[in-house]
Amino acid sequence: MHAEEYALDVTINGESQHATVRANTTLLEALRDGFGRVEVKNGCEIGECGACTVLLDGVAVNACLVLALQAANRTVLTVSSLGTSETMHPLQARFLELGAAQCGFCIPGMLLAAKALLDVTPHPSQQEIRRAIAGNLCRCTGYTKIIEAIASASQA
């Protein structure tokens, strides 16, 4: 380990992980480059698009704005933690059933922002849903189907 590198221990999707990172490495860079978590999308790198949204101790954050070392000894969930094609999380199932995804680039971040909301507000209003996903940009759907999918999942 070089003087400018630091040990990073973090739990990702339930698995303890270790890496060595520089002080200025973002959580996005560590997840994608250090841990191979390419399901975390690299969008704008300035916190405007939400494509890199992950849950850090249950709170939705833009991984591009968080330093990797801020996640030390904490829990990170990526979209891969939600479910598989065989055993989908209700959010994933509703997004699929209601056609809430077009190109799919924004969907990992959108799903995690929605999960963070439903974890604290199981039956949110449409306004609460809109507020929860406000930091996640979608260039394809216009948000109507996304909001409907999240509302439908809250009823499941």
C-alpha atoms as a PDB file:
ATOM      1  CA  MET A   1       0.000   0.000   0.000  1.00  0.00           C
ATOM      2  CA  HIS A   2       1.392   3.391  -1.013  1.00  0.00           C
ATOM      3  CA  ALA A   3       1.252   6.364   1.351  1.00  0.00           C
ATOM      4  CA  GLU A   4      -1.535   7.914  -0.700  1.00  0.00           C
ATOM      5  CA  GLU A   5      -3.681   4.751  -0.642  1.00  0.00           C
ATOM      6  CA  TYR A   6      -6.036   3.607   2.099  1.00  0.00           C
ATOM      7  CA  ALA A   7      -7.683   0.325   3.022  1.00  0.00           C
ATOM      8  CA  LEU A   8     -11.404   0.181   2.321  1.00  0.00           C
ATOM      9  CA  ASP A   9     -13.584  -2.450   3.963  1.00  0.00           C
ATOM     10  CA  VAL A  10     -17.218  -2.338   2.925  1.00  0.00           C
ATOM     11  CA  THR A  11     -20.170  -4.695   2.711  1.00  0.00           C
ATOM     12  CA  ILE A  12     -21.627  -4.789  -0.807  1.00  0.00           C
ATOM     13  CA  ASN A  13     -24.883  -6.657  -1.332  1.00  0.00           C
ATOM     14  CA  GLY A  14     -24.247  -8.653   1.830  1.00  0.00           C
ATOM     15  CA  GLU A  15     -20.644  -9.599   1.043  1.00  0.00           C
ATOM     16  CA  SER A  16     -17.629  -8.187   2.886  1.00  0.00           C
ATOM     17  CA  GLN A  17     -15.246  -6.600   0.402  1.00  0.00           C
ATOM     18  CA  HIS A  18     -11.769  -5.125   0.692  1.00  0.00           C
ATOM     19  CA  ALA A  19      -9.868  -2.810  -1.618  1.00  0.00           C
ATOM     20  CA  THR A  20      -7.137  -0.227  -1.544  1.00  0.00           C
ATOM     21  CA  VAL A  21      -8.204   3.197  -2.785  1.00  0.00           C
ATOM     22  CA  ARG A  22      -6.786   6.666  -3.116  1.00  0.00           C
ATOM     23  CA  ALA A  23      -8.311   9.388  -0.953  1.00  0.00           C
ATOM     24  CA  ASN A  24     -10.031  11.014  -3.947  1.00  0.00           C
ATOM     25  CA  THR A  25     -11.593   7.812  -5.340  1.00  0.00           C
ATOM     26  CA  THR A  26     -15.360   8.098  -5.566  1.00  0.00           C
ATOM     27  CA  LEU A  27     -17.662   5.326  -4.461  1.00  0.00           C
ATOM     28  CA  LEU A  28     -18.729   5.022  -8.104  1.00  0.00           C
ATOM     29  CA  GLU A  29     -15.138   4.402  -9.212  1.00  0.00           C
ATOM     30  CA  ALA A  30     -14.525   1.933  -6.394  1.00  0.00           C
ATOM     31  CA  LEU A  31     -17.708  -0.003  -7.115  1.00  0.00           C
ATOM     32  CA  ARG A  32     -17.156  -0.219 -10.876  1.00  0.00           C
ATOM     33  CA  ASP A  33     -13.368  -0.427 -11.143  1.00  0.00           C
ATOM     34  CA  GLY A  34     -12.361  -1.919  -7.806  1.00  0.00           C
ATOM     35  CA  PHE A  35     -15.239  -4.305  -7.171  1.00  0.00           C
ATOM     36  CA  GLY A  36     -16.502  -4.941 -10.712  1.00  0.00           C
ATOM     37  CA  ARG A  37     -20.019  -3.717  -9.935  1.00  0.00           C
ATOM     38  CA  VAL A  38     -20.829  -2.480 -13.423  1.00  0.00           C
ATOM     39  CA  GLU A  39     -24.552  -2.513 -12.657  1.00  0.00           C
ATOM     40  CA  VAL A  40     -23.846   0.855 -11.030  1.00  0.00           C
ATOM     41  CA  LYS A  41     -24.045   3.127 -14.057  1.00  0.00           C
ATOM     42  CA  ASN A  42     -21.632   5.949 -14.757  1.00  0.00           C
ATOM     43  CA  GLY A  43     -23.706   8.824 -16.081  1.00  0.00           C
ATOM     44  CA  CYS A  44     -22.867  12.464 -15.525  1.00  0.00           C
ATOM     45  CA  GLU A  45     -20.310  12.188 -12.686  1.00  0.00           C
ATOM     46  CA  ILE A  46     -21.657  15.425 -11.155  1.00  0.00           C
ATOM     47  CA  GLY A  47     -24.718  14.175  -9.270  1.00  0.00           C
ATOM     48  CA  GLU A  48     -27.285  15.385 -11.772  1.00  0.00           C
ATOM     49  CA  CYS A  49     -28.618  12.183 -13.384  1.00  0.00           C
ATOM     50  CA  GLY A  50     -28.986   9.585 -10.617  1.00  0.00           C
ATOM     51  CA  ALA A  51     -27.755   6.723 -12.810  1.00  0.00           C
ATOM     52  CA  CYS A  52     -25.169   5.821 -10.147  1.00  0.00           C
ATOM     53  CA  THR A  53     -27.658   5.707  -7.267  1.00  0.00           C
ATOM     54  CA  VAL A  54     -26.887   3.097  -4.619  1.00  0.00           C
ATOM     55  CA  LEU A  55     -28.151   2.601  -1.098  1.00  0.00           C
ATOM     56  CA  LEU A  56     -25.591   3.490   1.565  1.00  0.00           C
ATOM     57  CA  ASP A  57     -26.867   2.169   4.887  1.00  0.00           C
ATOM     58  CA  GLY A  58     -30.350   2.279   3.358  1.00  0.00           C
ATOM     59  CA  VAL A  59     -30.157   5.857   2.078  1.00  0.00           C
ATOM     60  CA  ALA A  60     -30.171   6.575  -1.654  1.00  0.00           C
ATOM     61  CA  VAL A  61     -26.974   8.403  -2.642  1.00  0.00           C
ATOM     62  CA  ASN A  62     -25.270   9.340  -5.879  1.00  0.00           C
ATOM     63  CA  ALA A  63     -22.141   7.187  -5.810  1.00  0.00           C
ATOM     64  CA  CYS A  64     -20.339   9.776  -7.951  1.00  0.00           C
ATOM     65  CA  LEU A  65     -20.622  12.325  -5.121  1.00  0.00           C
ATOM     66  CA  VAL A  66     -19.539  10.079  -2.265  1.00  0.00           C
ATOM     67  CA  LEU A  67     -15.898   9.335  -1.597  1.00  0.00           C
ATOM     68  CA  ALA A  68     -15.208   5.619  -1.371  1.00  0.00           C
ATOM     69  CA  LEU A  69     -13.663   6.067   2.065  1.00  0.00           C
ATOM     70  CA  GLN A  70     -16.971   7.502   3.315  1.00  0.00           C
ATOM     71  CA  ALA A  71     -18.418   4.006   2.757  1.00  0.00           C
ATOM     72  CA  ALA A  72     -15.794   2.357   4.968  1.00  0.00           C
ATOM     73  CA  ASN A  73     -17.338  -0.179   7.351  1.00  0.00           C
ATOM     74  CA  ARG A  74     -20.783   0.567   5.963  1.00  0.00           C
ATOM     75  CA  THR A  75     -23.300  -1.300   3.801  1.00  0.00           C
ATOM     76  CA  VAL A  76     -23.800  -0.600   0.102  1.00  0.00           C
ATOM     77  CA  LEU A  77     -26.638  -2.090  -1.913  1.00  0.00           C
ATOM     78  CA  THR A  78     -26.660  -2.058  -5.697  1.00  0.00           C
ATOM     79  CA  VAL A  79     -29.533  -3.044  -7.949  1.00  0.00           C
ATOM     80  CA  SER A  80     -28.154  -6.603  -7.975  1.00  0.00           C
ATOM     81  CA  SER A  81     -29.269  -6.908  -4.348  1.00  0.00           C
ATOM     82  CA  LEU A  82     -32.932  -6.601  -5.283  1.00  0.00           C
ATOM     83  CA  GLY A  83     -33.555  -9.882  -7.032  1.00  0.00           C
ATOM     84  CA  THR A  84     -32.989 -12.062 -10.059  1.00  0.00           C
ATOM     85  CA  SER A  85     -35.033 -12.766 -13.154  1.00  0.00           C
ATOM     86  CA  GLU A  86     -36.393 -15.822 -11.321  1.00  0.00           C
ATOM     87  CA  THR A  87     -37.110 -14.092  -8.004  1.00  0.00           C
ATOM     88  CA  MET A  88     -37.770 -10.434  -8.728  1.00  0.00           C
ATOM     89  CA  HIS A  89     -38.293  -7.758  -6.133  1.00  0.00           C
ATOM     90  CA  PRO A  90     -41.850  -6.344  -6.461  1.00  0.00           C
ATOM     91  CA  LEU A  91     -40.393  -3.128  -7.901  1.00  0.00           C
ATOM     92  CA  GLN A  92     -38.564  -5.036 -10.630  1.00  0.00           C
ATOM     93  CA  ALA A  93     -41.678  -7.073 -11.418  1.00  0.00           C
ATOM     94  CA  ARG A  94     -43.879  -3.966 -11.688  1.00  0.00           C
ATOM     95  CA  PHE A  95     -41.351  -2.108 -13.850  1.00  0.00           C
ATOM     96  CA  LEU A  96     -41.334  -5.088 -16.204  1.00  0.00           C
ATOM     97  CA  GLU A  97     -45.107  -5.663 -16.187  1.00  0.00           C
ATOM     98  CA  LEU A  98     -45.985  -1.997 -16.710  1.00  0.00           C
ATOM     99  CA  GLY A  99     -43.295  -1.210 -19.289  1.00  0.00           C
ATOM    100  CA  ALA A 100     -41.563   1.330 -17.067  1.00  0.00           C
ATOM    101  CA  ALA A 101     -38.188   0.824 -18.744  1.00  0.00           C
ATOM    102  CA  GLN A 102     -37.137   1.802 -22.226  1.00  0.00           C
ATOM    103  CA  CYS A 103     -33.382   1.873 -22.780  1.00  0.00           C
ATOM    104  CA  GLY A 104     -32.804   0.762 -19.167  1.00  0.00           C
ATOM    105  CA  PHE A 105     -29.848   3.005 -18.353  1.00  0.00           C
ATOM    106  CA  CYS A 106     -31.629   4.876 -15.566  1.00  0.00           C
ATOM    107  CA  ILE A 107     -33.446   1.854 -14.166  1.00  0.00           C
ATOM    108  CA  PRO A 108     -30.874   0.616 -11.604  1.00  0.00           C
ATOM    109  CA  GLY A 109     -30.767   4.036  -9.947  1.00  0.00           C
ATOM    110  CA  MET A 110     -34.505   4.526 -10.296  1.00  0.00           C
ATOM    111  CA  LEU A 111     -35.221   1.154  -8.650  1.00  0.00           C
ATOM    112  CA  LEU A 112     -32.921   1.913  -5.730  1.00  0.00           C
ATOM    113  CA  ALA A 113     -34.382   5.386  -5.188  1.00  0.00           C
ATOM    114  CA  ALA A 114     -37.828   3.757  -5.177  1.00  0.00           C
ATOM    115  CA  LYS A 115     -36.691   1.031  -2.767  1.00  0.00           C
ATOM    116  CA  ALA A 116     -35.306   3.633  -0.364  1.00  0.00           C
ATOM    117  CA  LEU A 117     -38.692   5.362  -0.443  1.00  0.00           C
ATOM    118  CA  LEU A 118     -40.742   2.194   0.058  1.00  0.00           C
ATOM    119  CA  ASP A 119     -38.496   1.086   2.918  1.00  0.00           C
ATOM    120  CA  VAL A 120     -39.521   4.158   4.940  1.00  0.00           C
ATOM    121  CA  THR A 121     -42.907   4.925   3.356  1.00  0.00           C
ATOM    122  CA  PRO A 122     -44.546   1.640   2.324  1.00  0.00           C
ATOM    123  CA  HIS A 123     -47.585   3.326   0.766  1.00  0.00           C
ATOM    124  CA  PRO A 124     -46.388   6.663  -0.633  1.00  0.00           C
ATOM    125  CA  SER A 125     -48.510   9.243  -2.366  1.00  0.00           C
ATOM    126  CA  GLN A 126     -47.816  10.131  -5.980  1.00  0.00           C
ATOM    127  CA  GLN A 127     -46.157  13.341  -4.790  1.00  0.00           C
ATOM    128  CA  GLU A 128     -43.880  11.381  -2.434  1.00  0.00           C
ATOM    129  CA  ILE A 129     -42.922   9.078  -5.304  1.00  0.00           C
ATOM    130  CA  ARG A 130     -42.154  12.041  -7.553  1.00  0.00           C
ATOM    131  CA  ARG A 131     -40.036  13.626  -4.826  1.00  0.00           C
ATOM    132  CA  ALA A 132     -38.127  10.376  -4.186  1.00  0.00           C
ATOM    133  CA  ILE A 133     -37.137   9.936  -7.844  1.00  0.00           C
ATOM    134  CA  ALA A 134     -36.590  13.623  -8.583  1.00  0.00           C
ATOM    135  CA  GLY A 135     -32.825  13.111  -8.716  1.00  0.00           C
ATOM    136  CA  ASN A 136     -33.077  10.317 -11.274  1.00  0.00           C
ATOM    137  CA  LEU A 137     -33.336  11.407 -14.879  1.00  0.00           C
ATOM    138  CA  CYS A 138     -34.980   9.293 -17.564  1.00  0.00           C
ATOM    139  CA  ARG A 139     -34.754  10.410 -21.161  1.00  0.00           C
ATOM    140  CA  CYS A 140     -37.115   7.781 -22.546  1.00  0.00           C
ATOM    141  CA  THR A 141     -40.370   7.249 -20.640  1.00  0.00           C
ATOM    142  CA  GLY A 142     -41.625  10.582 -19.385  1.00  0.00           C
ATOM    143  CA  TYR A 143     -41.926   9.121 -15.847  1.00  0.00           C
ATOM    144  CA  THR A 144     -45.630   8.219 -15.982  1.00  0.00           C
ATOM    145  CA  LYS A 145     -45.052   4.465 -16.210  1.00  0.00           C
ATOM    146  CA  ILE A 146     -42.219   4.649 -13.689  1.00  0.00           C
ATOM    147  CA  ILE A 147     -44.460   6.374 -11.141  1.00  0.00           C
ATOM    148  CA  GLU A 148     -47.252   3.875 -11.864  1.00  0.00           C
ATOM    149  CA  ALA A 149     -44.843   0.956 -11.369  1.00  0.00           C
ATOM    150  CA  ILE A 150     -43.620   2.297  -8.023  1.00  0.00           C
ATOM    151  CA  ALA A 151     -47.199   2.941  -6.864  1.00  0.00           C
ATOM    152  CA  SER A 152     -48.204  -0.552  -7.950  1.00  0.00           C
ATOM    153  CA  ALA A 153     -45.256  -2.112  -6.100  1.00  0.00           C
ATOM    154  CA  SER A 154     -46.283  -0.268  -2.963  1.00  0.00           C
ATOM    155  CA  GLN A 155     -49.597  -2.132  -3.093  1.00  0.00           C
ATOM    156  CA  ALA A 156     -47.908  -5.548  -3.423  1.00  0.00           C
END
